[in-house]
Every structure is written in structure tokens, then in C-alpha cells.
């Protein structure tokens, strides 16, 4: 996922990985390598909510080489300041986090900045008009990763993809089994946490399975 180039060569839906809430910085790079070796992934969002700044810095510096070796962007959740400091590719901000204009000022015009929009069409249009590189809708399914502030359905993806060129990310409880309706509805990216890291056959197999489903559904469309 590079700024200005947010689609795959086939212009299909792509995976947007989010780290587990807690990671072992020494061990997780190998886990990430396994995942990224499984197939196409657009980006990794480093999301460590309950750790200090130094832990986020350490994790970013450990994971960035793995990401970039696979041409995968690294985004840091909620912290454009830390993203700028460590040289990450961008940030993802929620409605209660940094203001978009401040994030852009800190990161510059070339960074990727995505914005959580929950189930709100108004927030999504507002974010796009300000210059967000993508908007994120959700949650689409029950999730144990976090307590979602909203629930929504695929219709919002259909509406968005028919109206706007800014890419949209679907998030919330997404798995290999339940993702086809989101792909059909027009999601540009599937944000996945447990659906990859908790899959019994491993993250590499999970990424490969997601890519197979994306390709199958895209052919049907």
C-alpha cells in the first residue's frame, strides 16, 4: 500500500493486517515473515494500545525491515508522531485520536493516513474531503480484539465504492469464511487480526487462504 497506489495489479481487494494486541518483539518478526510469505498483503498496522512509546518504537524498528522486504507498508496506530520518528510509512487514526490536519502536518504529503469512520457516511466523506488515503468502516462481525463502537453491514461498502475513489477498509471479526460478502460489496482492503494470527494452520496458510478467496470472488464479479 503506497500512497497514490493503493490497489493490487489486478485491482482486487487486498489484505490489511493488524498486529495482535500484545506481541513478543523478539519472536514476532519470524511470525510476520511467515504471514507475508503466504501471499499478497498491502500493509501491516502496528497496534499496541497498552504499551509505552519505547515498546512501540522497538516493535516498529523490528518489523519494518520484514514489511519492506515484502513491499508491505508499515502503519502505526494512533501515533503519527511515532510514525514520523521511526520512519514508518504512515498512521491510522481514530475519531478520538489525532486530528487529521495535525497528522498530515507531522507526516508530510507522502505518508499514508487512514481514518476510522465506524458506520458513519458523514465521517467518511469528511475524512476523504480532508485528504485521507483511505477510510475504515466496521465492525462487520463480532470481534474479540476490541470492543467495537459500531456495527455495520456490507451495504455501506457498496455505497462508498459506487460514490468515491478513496479506498475503503472493512474491519471487525473478518475471517476467510465470512469475508466474501465484503469483497463483493466493494471493500478495497480487509483488515484482519485474529483471522490470520489465530488460525490453527498458521498465519502463512491464513494469508494464502484469504488470497484464494479474494481471487475467487473477484473472478465471479
Protein backbone atom coordinates (compact mmCIF):
# COMPACT_ATOMS: atom_id res chain seq x y z
CA UNK A 1 0.00 0.00 0.00
CA UNK A 2 1.88 3.02 -1.25
CA UNK A 3 0.38 6.50 -1.32
CA UNK A 4 -1.19 7.00 -4.72
CA UNK A 5 -1.02 3.27 -5.45
CA UNK A 6 -3.49 1.57 -3.16
CA UNK A 7 -4.64 -1.24 -5.45
CA UNK A 8 -3.15 -4.55 -6.46
CA UNK A 9 -2.11 -5.14 -10.09
CA UNK A 10 -5.46 -6.83 -10.66
CA UNK A 11 -7.29 -4.05 -8.81
CA UNK A 12 -8.68 -6.61 -6.38
CA UNK A 13 -9.34 -6.47 -2.67
CA UNK A 14 -6.17 -6.84 -0.59
CA UNK A 15 -5.25 -7.84 2.94
CA UNK A 16 -4.57 -5.21 5.60
CA UNK A 17 -3.01 -6.97 8.59
CA UNK A 18 -3.18 -5.62 12.12
CA UNK A 19 -0.83 -6.93 14.79
CA UNK A 20 -2.17 -8.83 17.78
CA UNK A 21 -2.77 -6.59 20.82
CA UNK A 22 0.35 -7.99 22.51
CA UNK A 23 3.47 -9.23 20.71
CA UNK A 24 6.88 -10.57 21.66
CA UNK A 25 9.16 -8.20 19.77
CA UNK A 26 11.94 -10.78 19.62
CA UNK A 27 9.72 -13.55 18.24
CA UNK A 28 7.10 -11.74 16.18
CA UNK A 29 9.29 -10.79 13.18
CA UNK A 30 9.54 -14.50 12.32
CA UNK A 31 5.77 -14.87 12.66
CA UNK A 32 5.28 -11.85 10.42
CA UNK A 33 7.71 -13.27 7.88
CA UNK A 34 5.63 -16.45 7.77
CA UNK A 35 2.44 -14.45 7.22
CA UNK A 36 3.86 -12.25 4.48
CA UNK A 37 5.31 -15.25 2.70
CA UNK A 38 1.79 -16.64 2.35
CA UNK A 39 0.68 -14.19 -0.36
CA UNK A 40 -0.28 -10.63 -1.18
CA UNK A 41 -0.56 -8.22 1.77
CA UNK A 42 -0.90 -4.46 1.37
CA UNK A 43 0.13 -3.26 4.80
CA UNK A 44 0.65 -4.02 8.45
CA UNK A 45 -0.79 -1.79 11.13
CA UNK A 46 1.20 -1.88 14.36
CA UNK A 47 -1.46 -1.63 17.03
CA UNK A 48 -0.12 -1.86 20.59
CA UNK A 49 -2.58 0.03 22.75
CA UNK A 50 -1.37 -0.86 26.23
CA UNK A 51 2.38 -0.36 25.89
CA UNK A 52 4.68 2.60 26.27
CA UNK A 53 6.19 4.64 23.48
CA UNK A 54 9.54 2.85 23.63
CA UNK A 55 7.87 -0.52 23.12
CA UNK A 56 6.10 0.83 20.04
CA UNK A 57 9.38 2.22 18.71
CA UNK A 58 11.15 -1.09 19.30
CA UNK A 59 8.37 -3.05 17.60
CA UNK A 60 8.29 -0.72 14.61
CA UNK A 61 12.03 -0.94 14.12
CA UNK A 62 11.92 -4.74 14.37
CA UNK A 63 9.01 -5.19 11.97
CA UNK A 64 9.73 -2.54 9.37
CA UNK A 65 12.55 -4.47 7.61
CA UNK A 66 10.31 -7.54 7.31
CA UNK A 67 7.48 -5.45 5.89
CA UNK A 68 9.62 -3.58 3.40
CA UNK A 69 11.32 -6.76 2.22
CA UNK A 70 7.85 -7.86 1.07
CA UNK A 71 6.85 -4.41 -0.27
CA UNK A 72 4.36 -4.07 2.59
CA UNK A 73 3.68 -0.68 4.19
CA UNK A 74 4.00 -0.29 7.95
CA UNK A 75 1.47 1.98 9.64
CA UNK A 76 1.42 2.88 13.34
CA UNK A 77 -1.96 3.08 15.03
CA UNK A 78 -2.92 6.38 16.66
CA UNK A 79 0.60 7.82 16.71
CA UNK A 80 1.65 9.92 13.73
CA UNK A 81 4.39 11.38 15.89
CA UNK A 82 5.99 7.99 16.47
CA UNK A 83 5.42 7.03 12.84
CA UNK A 84 7.38 10.09 11.76
CA UNK A 85 10.10 9.43 14.32
CA UNK A 86 10.81 5.85 13.23
CA UNK A 87 10.24 6.42 9.51
CA UNK A 88 7.09 4.32 9.18
CA UNK A 89 5.00 4.61 6.03
CA UNK A 90 2.08 6.24 7.79
CA UNK A 91 -0.52 6.07 10.51
CA UNK A 92 -4.10 5.11 11.20
CA UNK A 93 -6.12 7.47 13.39
CA UNK A 94 -9.46 7.06 15.12
CA UNK A 95 -12.11 9.68 15.70
CA UNK A 96 -10.87 10.27 19.26
CA UNK A 97 -7.18 10.38 18.38
CA UNK A 98 -5.16 12.91 16.42
CA UNK A 99 -6.77 15.45 14.16
CA UNK A 100 -6.17 14.61 10.50
CA UNK A 101 -4.61 18.00 9.73
CA UNK A 102 -2.11 17.62 12.58
CA UNK A 103 -1.23 14.09 11.48
CA UNK A 104 -0.64 15.26 7.91
CA UNK A 105 1.46 18.18 9.08
CA UNK A 106 3.70 15.86 11.09
CA UNK A 107 4.00 13.11 8.49
CA UNK A 108 4.06 15.12 5.27
CA UNK A 109 2.31 14.70 1.97
CA UNK A 110 3.81 11.33 1.04
CA UNK A 111 2.71 9.40 4.14
CA UNK A 112 -0.35 7.15 4.26
CA UNK A 113 -3.03 8.36 6.67
CA UNK A 114 -6.18 6.31 7.20
CA UNK A 115 -9.17 7.27 9.30
CA UNK A 116 -11.67 5.21 11.29
CA UNK A 117 -15.22 6.13 10.29
CA UNK A 118 -17.21 3.42 12.12
CA UNK A 119 -20.62 3.19 10.40
CA UNK A 120 -20.81 6.89 9.51
CA UNK A 121 -21.16 8.06 5.93
CA UNK A 122 -20.74 11.63 7.10
CA UNK A 123 -17.42 10.93 8.83
CA UNK A 124 -16.15 9.04 5.79
CA UNK A 125 -16.98 11.83 3.36
CA UNK A 126 -15.45 14.37 5.72
CA UNK A 127 -12.23 12.32 6.01
CA UNK A 128 -12.00 11.89 2.24
CA UNK A 129 -12.51 15.60 1.64
CA UNK A 130 -9.69 16.39 4.06
CA UNK A 131 -7.35 14.11 2.11
CA UNK A 132 -7.37 10.74 3.91
CA UNK A 133 -5.76 7.96 1.90
CA UNK A 134 -8.43 5.50 3.00
CA UNK A 135 -11.47 5.30 5.26
CA UNK A 136 -12.25 2.33 7.51
CA UNK A 137 -15.75 1.01 8.18
CA UNK A 138 -16.80 -1.52 10.81
CA UNK A 139 -17.29 -3.61 12.74
CA UNK A 140 -18.88 -6.03 10.29
CA UNK A 141 -18.79 -9.09 12.55
CA UNK A 142 -18.36 -9.80 16.27
CA UNK A 143 -14.75 -9.47 17.35
CA UNK A 144 -12.76 -10.29 20.47
CA UNK A 145 -9.88 -7.99 19.56
CA UNK A 146 -11.57 -4.83 20.83
CA UNK A 147 -14.98 -3.56 21.84
CA UNK A 148 -16.35 -2.06 18.62
CA UNK A 149 -18.06 1.32 18.82
CA UNK A 150 -20.39 0.48 15.95
CA UNK A 151 -21.73 -2.36 13.83
CA UNK A 152 -22.42 -2.03 10.14
CA UNK A 153 -23.16 -4.13 7.07
CA UNK A 154 -21.79 -4.54 3.53
CA UNK A 155 -24.25 -2.04 2.09
CA UNK A 156 -22.05 0.83 3.28
CA UNK A 157 -19.18 -0.58 1.20
CA UNK A 158 -21.41 -0.74 -1.87
CA UNK A 159 -22.48 2.86 -1.32
CA UNK A 160 -18.91 4.06 -0.83
CA UNK A 161 -17.35 2.22 -3.76
CA UNK A 162 -20.07 3.50 -6.07
CA UNK A 163 -19.54 7.08 -4.95
CA UNK A 164 -15.91 7.68 -4.08
CA UNK A 165 -12.44 6.87 -5.41
CA UNK A 166 -10.81 6.95 -1.96
CA UNK A 167 -10.26 3.29 -0.93
CA UNK A 168 -12.27 1.74 1.90
CA UNK A 169 -11.16 -0.76 4.51
CA UNK A 170 -13.53 -3.26 6.10
CA UNK A 171 -12.72 -4.21 9.70
CA UNK A 172 -14.14 -6.25 12.54
CA UNK A 173 -14.16 -10.02 13.03
CA UNK A 174 -13.22 -10.80 9.42
CA UNK A 175 -12.23 -14.38 8.60
CA UNK A 176 -11.61 -16.46 5.49
CA UNK A 177 -15.09 -17.89 5.88
CA UNK A 178 -17.10 -14.68 6.27
CA UNK A 179 -15.23 -12.25 4.01
CA UNK A 180 -16.83 -12.96 0.57
CA UNK A 181 -19.80 -10.56 1.05
CA UNK A 182 -17.39 -7.75 1.91
CA UNK A 183 -15.31 -8.38 -1.20
CA UNK A 184 -18.44 -8.50 -3.35
CA UNK A 185 -19.67 -5.26 -1.80
CA UNK A 186 -16.53 -3.40 -2.86
CA UNK A 187 -14.08 -3.44 0.04
CA UNK A 188 -10.65 -2.41 -1.19
CA UNK A 189 -8.95 -3.88 1.87
CA UNK A 190 -9.84 -6.44 4.53
CA UNK A 191 -8.39 -5.53 7.93
CA UNK A 192 -7.69 -8.77 9.77
CA UNK A 193 -6.32 -9.62 13.20
CA UNK A 194 -7.40 -12.95 14.70
CA UNK A 195 -8.44 -14.31 11.31
CA UNK A 196 -4.74 -14.56 10.46
CA UNK A 197 -2.78 -14.78 13.70
CA UNK A 198 -5.14 -17.22 15.43
CA UNK A 199 -5.72 -19.58 12.51
CA UNK A 200 -4.76 -23.15 13.57
CA UNK A 201 -2.73 -23.88 10.43
CA UNK A 202 -0.64 -20.73 10.89
CA UNK A 203 -0.54 -17.17 9.56
CA UNK A 204 1.07 -18.08 6.26
CA UNK A 205 -1.71 -20.53 5.46
CA UNK A 206 -4.28 -17.94 6.56
CA UNK A 207 -2.89 -15.28 4.21
CA UNK A 208 -2.82 -17.81 1.37
CA UNK A 209 -6.43 -18.76 2.09
CA UNK A 210 -7.57 -15.14 2.13
CA UNK A 211 -5.87 -14.54 -1.21
CA UNK A 212 -7.56 -17.58 -2.73
CA UNK A 213 -10.97 -16.32 -1.61
CA UNK A 214 -10.25 -12.81 -2.90
CA UNK A 215 -9.26 -14.18 -6.30
CA UNK A 216 -12.27 -16.49 -6.50
CA UNK A 217 -14.78 -13.80 -5.55
CA UNK A 218 -13.13 -11.24 -7.85
CA UNK A 219 -13.44 -13.63 -10.79
CA UNK A 220 -17.11 -14.12 -10.04
CA UNK A 221 -17.68 -10.38 -10.02
